[in-house]
Amino acid sequence: MELDAYYADFEKNFWNITDLGFWKLERQQVFKEPGYDSWTAFAHGDWDESIRLLEAGRADMLDYHRKIAEHGFVAARVRVVEEPISAYLQWELNALRVRDECGGGVRVVRPAQITRFETDGPLPEIYTLGPHVMYEAVYDEEGVLDSVVRYLDRGLIARCQRFVADLYEMGEPLGRYFARQVAPLPPPGPQRQG
């Protein structure tokens, strides 16, 4: 799907989740997120502003996860983290920490926990929205979201949702991982824009 069609499709499907919830698996270690103010500040080397913007978005994030709770479903994600932590991932883990603290559960898994599933390459970036739809994110060579593949096969969606939920159960709570491995890191410098 092209991005405009995807964004509309996602919004419609997300707020119609009635069971199984939203489960996301994030595998890649580097992305670019143009248009996201905090990422832009990070990419230009303004770490303090990047973190300030993440904190400034906390109230909206709380409202977002309150709305999810009112709709009666769970929104959870699994983040695969390779060490040493990339500069991008250092930024993203700060963003995910805010999300986690606002009600969007995040767990960290290490590559050793998923090696047996990656015999044909890295796991895909997938997310399930209830039992009806799943998306696989497709990124360009720069790490910018380019398009998505939408899946409607309920059997496939159920298996993938269970897989991500199982990884979540074996993962480490983000808060604990963050305090130990991310909080002590010095701010990263400006990032190459390609």
Protein backbone atom coordinates (compact mmCIF):
# COMPACT_ATOMS: atom_id res chain seq x y z
CA MET A 1 0.00 0.00 0.00
CA GLU A 2 1.13 3.54 -0.68
CA LEU A 3 1.46 5.64 2.46
CA ASP A 4 -1.64 7.84 2.08
CA ALA A 5 -3.89 4.80 1.63
CA TYR A 6 -2.11 3.03 4.47
CA TYR A 7 -2.51 5.89 6.97
CA ALA A 8 -6.28 6.01 6.33
CA ASP A 9 -6.57 2.23 6.49
CA PHE A 10 -4.57 2.05 9.72
CA GLU A 11 -6.64 4.74 11.44
CA LYS A 12 -9.90 3.02 10.49
CA ASN A 13 -8.71 -0.40 11.61
CA PHE A 14 -6.90 0.73 14.75
CA TRP A 15 -9.91 2.31 16.41
CA ASN A 16 -12.06 -0.71 15.50
CA ILE A 17 -9.91 -3.21 17.41
CA THR A 18 -12.20 -5.21 19.69
CA ASP A 19 -10.04 -8.16 20.67
CA LEU A 20 -6.45 -9.41 20.63
CA GLY A 21 -5.24 -5.80 20.66
CA PHE A 22 -2.38 -4.09 18.86
CA TRP A 23 0.96 -5.93 18.86
CA LYS A 24 4.07 -4.51 17.21
CA LEU A 25 7.49 -6.01 16.57
CA GLU A 26 10.36 -3.58 15.87
CA ARG A 27 13.55 -5.22 14.61
CA GLN A 28 15.68 -2.77 12.58
CA GLN A 29 18.26 -0.82 14.53
CA VAL A 30 18.31 2.40 12.48
CA PHE A 31 15.51 4.43 10.94
CA LYS A 32 14.91 7.98 9.81
CA GLU A 33 11.72 9.72 10.86
CA PRO A 34 11.49 12.98 8.92
CA GLY A 35 8.56 15.08 10.03
CA TYR A 36 8.84 14.01 13.68
CA ASP A 37 10.11 17.09 15.55
CA SER A 38 11.98 15.18 18.25
CA TRP A 39 13.75 12.96 15.71
CA THR A 40 14.70 16.03 13.65
CA ALA A 41 16.26 17.70 16.70
CA PHE A 42 18.12 14.45 17.46
CA ALA A 43 19.33 14.11 13.87
CA HIS A 44 20.72 17.65 13.98
CA GLY A 45 22.57 17.00 17.22
CA ASP A 46 20.27 18.88 19.60
CA TRP A 47 19.79 16.11 22.14
CA ASP A 48 18.38 18.35 24.88
CA GLU A 49 15.71 19.72 22.54
CA SER A 50 14.92 16.24 21.28
CA ILE A 51 14.30 14.99 24.83
CA ARG A 52 12.36 18.15 25.71
CA LEU A 53 10.05 17.55 22.74
CA LEU A 54 9.48 13.94 23.80
CA GLU A 55 8.51 15.13 27.28
CA ALA A 56 6.31 17.88 25.81
CA GLY A 57 4.35 15.14 24.02
CA ARG A 58 3.71 13.21 27.23
CA ALA A 59 0.23 14.67 27.84
CA ASP A 60 -0.90 13.72 24.32
CA MET A 61 0.58 10.24 24.77
CA LEU A 62 -1.32 9.83 28.04
CA ASP A 63 -4.55 10.86 26.30
CA TYR A 64 -3.86 8.47 23.43
CA HIS A 65 -3.35 5.48 25.74
CA ARG A 66 -6.32 6.49 27.88
CA LYS A 67 -8.44 6.38 24.72
CA ILE A 68 -7.04 2.93 23.88
CA ALA A 69 -7.95 1.70 27.38
CA GLU A 70 -11.47 3.12 26.96
CA HIS A 71 -11.78 1.17 23.70
CA GLY A 72 -10.93 -1.96 25.69
CA PHE A 73 -7.82 -3.26 23.98
CA VAL A 74 -4.11 -3.54 24.71
CA ALA A 75 -1.36 -1.79 22.74
CA ALA A 76 2.01 -3.45 23.24
CA ARG A 77 5.29 -3.61 21.41
CA VAL A 78 8.48 -5.61 21.38
CA ARG A 79 11.74 -3.82 20.60
CA VAL A 80 14.74 -5.90 19.55
CA VAL A 81 17.87 -4.17 20.85
CA GLU A 82 21.38 -4.92 19.62
CA GLU A 83 24.37 -3.67 21.56
CA PRO A 84 26.23 -1.45 21.29
CA ILE A 85 23.09 0.64 21.00
CA SER A 86 22.96 2.73 17.82
CA ALA A 87 22.48 6.49 18.16
CA TYR A 88 19.06 6.15 16.55
CA LEU A 89 18.04 3.42 18.95
CA GLN A 90 19.24 5.49 21.90
CA TRP A 91 16.81 8.20 20.76
CA GLU A 92 14.00 5.72 20.04
CA LEU A 93 14.34 4.03 23.42
CA ASN A 94 13.85 7.44 25.02
CA ALA A 95 10.69 7.90 22.94
CA LEU A 96 9.50 4.39 23.83
CA ARG A 97 10.17 5.06 27.52
CA VAL A 98 7.65 7.91 27.40
CA ARG A 99 5.15 5.65 25.61
CA ASP A 100 5.72 2.85 28.12
CA GLU A 101 5.24 5.19 31.08
CA CYS A 102 2.00 6.45 29.51
CA GLY A 103 0.43 3.00 29.22
CA GLY A 104 1.78 1.55 25.97
CA GLY A 105 3.69 -1.48 27.22
CA VAL A 106 7.16 -2.01 25.73
CA ARG A 107 9.47 -4.98 26.28
CA VAL A 108 13.03 -5.44 25.08
CA VAL A 109 14.38 -8.65 23.57
CA ARG A 110 17.97 -9.35 22.63
CA PRO A 111 19.09 -10.87 19.30
CA ALA A 112 20.07 -14.12 21.06
CA GLN A 113 16.40 -14.60 21.98
CA ILE A 114 15.28 -14.54 18.33
CA THR A 115 18.24 -16.07 16.46
CA ARG A 116 16.37 -19.32 15.84
CA PHE A 117 13.66 -17.37 13.98
CA GLU A 118 16.08 -15.49 11.73
CA THR A 119 17.49 -18.28 9.59
CA ASP A 120 16.41 -16.45 6.41
CA GLY A 121 17.27 -12.93 7.58
CA PRO A 122 16.04 -10.42 10.16
CA LEU A 123 12.45 -10.64 11.35
CA PRO A 124 10.12 -8.22 9.58
CA GLU A 125 8.66 -5.08 11.13
CA ILE A 126 5.05 -6.18 11.69
CA TYR A 127 2.04 -5.07 13.67
CA THR A 128 -1.32 -6.70 14.14
CA LEU A 129 -4.59 -4.84 14.68
CA GLY A 130 -6.95 -7.33 16.26
CA PRO A 131 -7.66 -10.47 14.25
CA HIS A 132 -8.52 -8.68 11.01
CA VAL A 133 -5.42 -6.94 9.65
CA MET A 134 -1.64 -6.95 9.91
CA TYR A 135 0.86 -4.60 8.33
CA GLU A 136 4.49 -5.12 7.43
CA ALA A 137 6.45 -1.89 7.19
CA VAL A 138 8.72 -1.50 4.14
CA TYR A 139 11.60 0.98 4.39
CA ASP A 140 13.78 2.52 1.71
CA GLU A 141 17.57 2.25 1.73
CA GLU A 142 17.78 5.31 4.01
CA GLY A 143 15.49 3.76 6.64
CA VAL A 144 12.46 5.94 5.85
CA LEU A 145 9.02 4.30 5.71
CA ASP A 146 8.25 3.79 2.02
CA SER A 147 5.13 1.61 1.94
CA VAL A 148 3.42 -1.25 3.76
CA VAL A 149 2.17 -4.70 2.92
CA ARG A 150 -1.29 -5.40 4.32
CA TYR A 151 -2.28 -8.94 5.30
CA LEU A 152 -5.86 -10.08 5.80
CA ASP A 153 -5.38 -13.83 6.31
CA ARG A 154 -6.79 -14.42 9.80
CA GLY A 155 -4.73 -17.54 10.42
CA LEU A 156 -1.50 -15.76 9.57
CA ILE A 157 -2.48 -12.74 11.67
CA ALA A 158 -3.32 -14.94 14.67
CA ARG A 159 0.02 -16.77 14.42
CA CYS A 160 1.98 -13.52 14.13
CA GLN A 161 0.06 -11.90 16.98
CA ARG A 162 0.78 -14.91 19.20
CA PHE A 163 4.45 -14.80 18.18
CA VAL A 164 4.82 -11.12 19.12
CA ALA A 165 2.86 -11.67 22.36
CA ASP A 166 5.16 -14.59 23.24
CA LEU A 167 8.23 -12.41 22.61
CA TYR A 168 6.64 -9.75 24.82
CA GLU A 169 6.23 -12.26 27.63
CA MET A 170 9.91 -13.30 27.44
CA GLY A 171 11.13 -9.71 27.03
CA GLU A 172 12.53 -7.43 29.70
CA PRO A 173 10.34 -4.48 30.78
CA LEU A 174 11.67 -1.37 29.07
CA GLY A 175 11.95 0.66 32.28
CA ARG A 176 14.37 -1.81 33.81
CA TYR A 177 16.45 -2.15 30.63
CA PHE A 178 16.46 1.62 30.09
CA ALA A 179 17.75 2.40 33.59
CA ARG A 180 20.60 -0.07 33.22
CA GLN A 181 21.67 0.29 29.57
CA VAL A 182 20.34 3.56 28.13
CA ALA A 183 20.18 6.20 30.88
CA PRO A 184 23.99 6.09 31.48
CA LEU A 185 24.82 6.74 27.79
CA PRO A 186 26.20 10.15 26.80
CA PRO A 187 24.14 12.13 24.27
CA PRO A 188 24.83 11.10 20.67
CA GLY A 189 26.14 13.69 18.23
CA PRO A 190 24.59 14.93 14.97
CA GLN A 191 23.51 12.17 12.60
CA ARG A 192 24.43 11.96 8.94
CA GLN A 193 21.43 12.71 6.78
CA GLY A 194 22.51 10.58 3.80
